[in-house]
Structure formats: structure tokens, C-alpha cells
Amino acid sequence: MFKKYKIWKGSRKDLINEIIYLENENPDKFRMISKKSGNYIDVNIRRIQQFIDVSILPKPHVIKKQYEYTREHLLRYLAAIVLKNNDHTIKQIEKILSTLDIDQVEEQILTKDSKNLKLNKMLFEEKDKINLSSELKKLGREEGKVLRSQWLKFAITKWCNVEIKKNKLKGLEENEINTIIHAFENSLRETIEIVSKNELENKIT
């Protein structure tokens, strides 16, 4: 169904006309359903702008002072309607679609039966990822995901390990190596003195 849209481009009017065509082709899937009345609600300019404002749709390109829309706008709009009709909020829709590129939007949402349990499972997995990402950011992991360790551990003795970030080793100059060694040596000596002093004070008291 979507092959002819691979290189599609057009104005906002063209976008709306294509959406209307697809709504008529498959109204149960691509036409928004009113929660209050249960009736179909056709696409309109206001909804398109709302989806752009909340980042469900990207902003249109500006070509020769004219707005231009692409396959991305068309498919993401349709996917948003599928999700909305499956009781997802606008905020959830924005977050879910932000995790998918346009090919995944087509494969995982638009070409599947919207009542398919597998689709729902995929969406809940995406929401779990979103929630986990938010929680990790709160804990200070700015990337919102677990990073594979880039640290090398040097086990000097059974009780003395030193860790260095792998990507910092490349291009390390001789004087920089000496600086690190001396800094570690000085810090180690200072720490030993502090520990020894604390132990002595504890014995006296």
C-alpha cells in the first residue's frame, strides 16, 4: 500500500488529500474515532498542526518559501491515528514514535492489524523502554540507557586495581603518562598517611 509513497512530496493540501484517500481506503484503521460518540473524525488542518506542535510530526521543509511534506509526515500521521484509536495518549504517541524510524513505523504499525496482540506487545515494550530511559536519566545517566563499559582494569595486585578509560589511551603522550603515574603515586602516599594517622588517633582514644 505504501510503496508508491517512497519518494512522495507535496504541500499541506496534498498531504491532507493523501490522508483522506487512505482514510477512505481503510477507515477502521486510519480514520480517527471519537471517544465520545464512537464516530469517525476526518483529518483536518488543525490536527496536522497539533501533531507538529507536539513533535509527533516533524516540521515541514521550507522549499522556495513554501512548506513541503514528505512520506515521513504521511506515515507518522497514520501511525499516530492507529495508536490513538488503540487508547494511547498524545504524549505516549510522541514518545513511542520517537523510538522508531520511518521504516519501523511502516513495518511495525501501519502494515500490521491494529488489533493484533503482537502489535500491542511491541508498543508496551517500547513504553517500558521509554519509562526505563526516563528513570535512568533521573539517576544521572544522561544517555538514558546502559552503556557498555569502556574501562580497562589493571589488576596490579589482588588488592590493587586501576581503571582507565579505553578511548583515552590512544595518543597518550609520554609526559602525560608520567603525570598520571606521579599523581597516582602522590595520592597513594597521602592516603596511606591519612589512614595511618587515623589508626594512631583511634588507638590513643
Protein backbone atom coordinates (compact mmCIF):
# COMPACT_ATOMS: atom_id res chain seq x y z
CA MET A 1 0.00 0.00 0.00
CA PHE A 2 2.80 2.43 0.84
CA LYS A 3 5.30 1.60 -1.93
CA LYS A 4 4.13 4.49 -4.11
CA TYR A 5 4.93 6.92 -1.29
CA LYS A 6 8.66 6.11 -1.11
CA ILE A 7 9.62 9.44 -2.67
CA TRP A 8 6.35 11.29 -2.10
CA LYS A 9 6.44 15.06 -1.56
CA GLY A 10 3.72 17.69 -1.53
CA SER A 11 2.08 20.71 0.06
CA ARG A 12 -0.10 20.58 3.16
CA LYS A 13 -3.14 20.37 0.89
CA ASP A 14 -1.53 17.43 -0.94
CA LEU A 15 -0.81 15.77 2.41
CA ILE A 16 -4.40 16.11 3.55
CA ASN A 17 -5.70 14.78 0.22
CA GLU A 18 -3.48 11.68 0.51
CA ILE A 19 -4.62 11.10 4.09
CA ILE A 20 -8.27 11.41 3.02
CA TYR A 21 -7.65 8.86 0.28
CA LEU A 22 -6.09 6.40 2.77
CA GLU A 23 -8.85 7.06 5.31
CA ASN A 24 -11.41 6.11 2.70
CA GLU A 25 -9.43 3.02 1.73
CA ASN A 26 -9.26 1.77 5.32
CA PRO A 27 -11.48 3.85 7.61
CA ASP A 28 -11.42 1.39 10.51
CA LYS A 29 -7.67 1.79 10.79
CA PHE A 30 -6.71 5.24 9.51
CA ARG A 31 -9.67 7.45 10.42
CA MET A 32 -9.73 8.80 13.96
CA ILE A 33 -12.55 7.51 16.15
CA SER A 34 -14.22 9.89 18.60
CA LYS A 35 -14.15 8.55 22.15
CA LYS A 36 -17.34 10.42 23.00
CA SER A 37 -19.54 9.43 20.06
CA GLY A 38 -17.71 6.50 18.54
CA ASN A 39 -17.99 8.20 15.14
CA TYR A 40 -15.21 8.72 12.61
CA ILE A 41 -13.50 12.14 12.53
CA ASP A 42 -11.85 13.12 9.26
CA VAL A 43 -8.38 14.63 9.06
CA ASN A 44 -8.18 18.40 9.32
CA ILE A 45 -5.56 21.15 9.21
CA ARG A 46 -5.85 21.80 12.95
CA ARG A 47 -4.92 18.20 13.81
CA ILE A 48 -1.94 18.26 11.43
CA GLN A 49 -0.64 21.40 13.15
CA GLN A 50 -1.27 19.92 16.61
CA PHE A 51 0.80 16.85 15.71
CA ILE A 52 3.62 19.12 14.50
CA ASP A 53 3.45 21.23 17.67
CA VAL A 54 3.82 18.18 19.95
CA SER A 55 6.57 16.61 17.76
CA ILE A 56 4.53 13.64 16.55
CA LEU A 57 5.22 15.01 13.07
CA PRO A 58 8.45 16.75 12.13
CA LYS A 59 8.28 20.34 10.98
CA PRO A 60 7.78 20.61 7.21
CA HIS A 61 10.68 21.51 4.95
CA VAL A 62 10.75 25.02 3.51
CA ILE A 63 11.42 24.96 -0.25
CA LYS A 64 11.32 28.30 -2.07
CA LYS A 65 9.31 29.82 0.79
CA GLN A 66 6.74 27.01 0.55
CA TYR A 67 6.13 24.24 3.10
CA GLU A 68 6.87 20.76 1.76
CA TYR A 69 5.75 17.48 3.32
CA THR A 70 7.14 14.01 2.69
CA ARG A 71 6.49 10.30 3.22
CA GLU A 72 7.65 10.79 6.80
CA HIS A 73 4.78 13.17 7.58
CA LEU A 74 2.20 10.96 5.89
CA LEU A 75 3.22 7.68 7.56
CA ARG A 76 3.79 9.17 11.01
CA TYR A 77 0.37 10.81 10.89
CA LEU A 78 -1.31 7.49 10.03
CA ALA A 79 0.66 5.68 12.74
CA ALA A 80 -0.43 8.31 15.29
CA ILE A 81 -4.07 7.66 14.38
CA VAL A 82 -3.60 3.89 14.78
CA LEU A 83 -2.09 4.44 18.23
CA LYS A 84 -4.74 6.99 19.21
CA ASN A 85 -7.51 4.56 18.26
CA ASN A 86 -5.77 2.00 20.47
CA ASP A 87 -6.17 4.28 23.51
CA HIS A 88 -2.70 5.81 23.64
CA THR A 89 -2.42 9.41 24.78
CA ILE A 90 -0.82 12.13 22.65
CA LYS A 91 2.21 12.13 24.98
CA GLN A 92 2.59 8.35 24.71
CA ILE A 93 2.24 8.51 20.92
CA GLU A 94 5.00 11.09 20.66
CA LYS A 95 7.33 9.01 22.82
CA ILE A 96 6.57 5.73 21.05
CA LEU A 97 7.04 7.17 17.55
CA SER A 98 10.26 8.91 18.63
CA THR A 99 11.79 5.46 19.21
CA LEU A 100 11.01 4.26 15.65
CA ASP A 101 12.49 5.29 12.32
CA ILE A 102 10.12 5.65 9.37
CA ASP A 103 10.69 2.09 8.09
CA GLN A 104 9.89 0.70 11.54
CA VAL A 105 6.75 2.85 11.68
CA GLU A 106 5.60 1.24 8.44
CA GLU A 107 6.61 -2.32 9.34
CA GLN A 108 5.58 -2.43 13.00
CA ILE A 109 2.46 -0.30 13.00
CA LEU A 110 0.99 0.50 9.58
CA THR A 111 1.25 -2.87 7.84
CA LYS A 112 0.00 -4.87 10.83
CA ASP A 113 -3.52 -5.49 12.04
CA SER A 114 -4.14 -2.74 14.59
CA LYS A 115 -5.95 -5.26 16.81
CA ASN A 116 -3.07 -7.70 16.65
CA LEU A 117 -1.80 -8.70 20.12
CA LYS A 118 1.75 -8.72 18.81
CA LEU A 119 1.39 -5.05 17.93
CA ASN A 120 0.19 -4.23 21.43
CA LYS A 121 3.06 -6.23 22.94
CA MET A 122 5.56 -4.27 20.86
CA LEU A 123 4.06 -0.97 21.96
CA PHE A 124 4.16 -1.88 25.63
CA GLU A 125 7.80 -2.95 25.23
CA GLU A 126 8.55 0.44 23.67
CA LYS A 127 6.77 2.22 26.54
CA ASP A 128 8.78 0.16 29.04
CA LYS A 129 11.97 1.30 27.30
CA ILE A 130 10.80 4.90 27.46
CA ASN A 131 9.96 4.66 31.17
CA LEU A 132 13.29 2.96 31.94
CA SER A 133 15.14 5.61 29.95
CA SER A 134 13.43 8.38 31.95
CA GLU A 135 14.31 6.71 35.26
CA LEU A 136 17.96 6.27 34.24
CA LYS A 137 18.16 9.96 33.34
CA LYS A 138 16.83 10.83 36.80
CA LEU A 139 19.65 8.73 38.26
CA GLY A 140 22.23 10.75 36.33
CA ARG A 141 22.70 8.59 33.23
CA GLU A 142 22.22 11.38 30.67
CA GLU A 143 22.12 8.99 27.70
CA GLY A 144 19.05 7.27 29.14
CA LYS A 145 20.48 3.83 28.52
CA VAL A 146 23.05 1.44 29.95
CA LEU A 147 26.42 1.92 28.29
CA ARG A 148 28.85 -0.91 27.66
CA SER A 149 31.92 -0.39 29.81
CA GLN A 150 34.80 1.40 28.11
CA TRP A 151 37.05 0.94 31.12
CA LEU A 152 40.18 -1.21 31.24
CA LYS A 153 41.07 -2.64 34.63
CA PHE A 154 44.74 -3.19 35.54
CA ALA A 155 44.95 -5.76 38.33
CA ILE A 156 48.33 -4.75 39.78
CA THR A 157 47.88 -6.98 42.82
CA LYS A 158 44.95 -8.95 44.22
CA TRP A 159 44.03 -5.91 46.30
CA CYS A 160 45.09 -3.07 43.98
CA ASN A 161 43.24 -2.37 40.74
CA VAL A 162 43.49 0.67 38.47
CA GLU A 163 40.84 1.56 35.87
CA ILE A 164 41.47 3.65 32.77
CA LYS A 165 39.02 4.62 30.02
CA LYS A 166 39.95 2.73 26.87
CA ASN A 167 39.31 5.54 24.39
CA LYS A 168 41.69 7.86 26.29
CA LEU A 169 44.73 5.62 25.81
CA LYS A 170 45.14 6.32 22.11
CA GLY A 171 47.63 9.12 21.56
CA LEU A 172 48.64 9.38 25.20
CA GLU A 173 51.99 11.21 25.31
CA GLU A 174 54.98 10.13 27.42
CA ASN A 175 54.79 13.23 29.63
CA GLU A 176 51.06 12.61 30.19
CA ILE A 177 51.78 9.02 31.25
CA ASN A 178 54.39 10.29 33.73
CA THR A 179 51.93 12.88 35.09
CA ILE A 180 49.31 10.18 35.71
CA ILE A 181 51.87 7.91 37.38
CA HIS A 182 53.16 10.69 39.66
CA ALA A 183 49.64 11.85 40.52
CA PHE A 184 48.65 8.30 41.48
CA GLU A 185 51.85 7.85 43.49
CA ASN A 186 51.34 11.10 45.40
CA SER A 187 47.66 10.34 46.06
CA LEU A 188 48.55 6.83 47.28
CA ARG A 189 51.20 8.15 49.69
CA GLU A 190 48.85 10.85 51.04
CA THR A 191 46.09 8.31 51.58
CA ILE A 192 48.45 5.96 53.41
CA GLU A 193 49.50 8.81 55.72
CA ILE A 194 45.86 9.73 56.43
CA VAL A 195 44.91 6.12 57.16
CA SER A 196 47.94 5.67 59.43
CA LYS A 197 47.17 8.91 61.27
CA ASN A 198 43.53 7.90 61.82
CA GLU A 199 44.55 4.49 63.15
CA LEU A 200 47.02 6.11 65.58
CA GLU A 201 44.38 8.55 66.85
CA ASN A 202 41.93 5.71 67.36
CA LYS A 203 44.48 3.81 69.44
CA ILE A 204 45.13 6.87 71.63
CA THR A 205 41.45 7.46 72.28
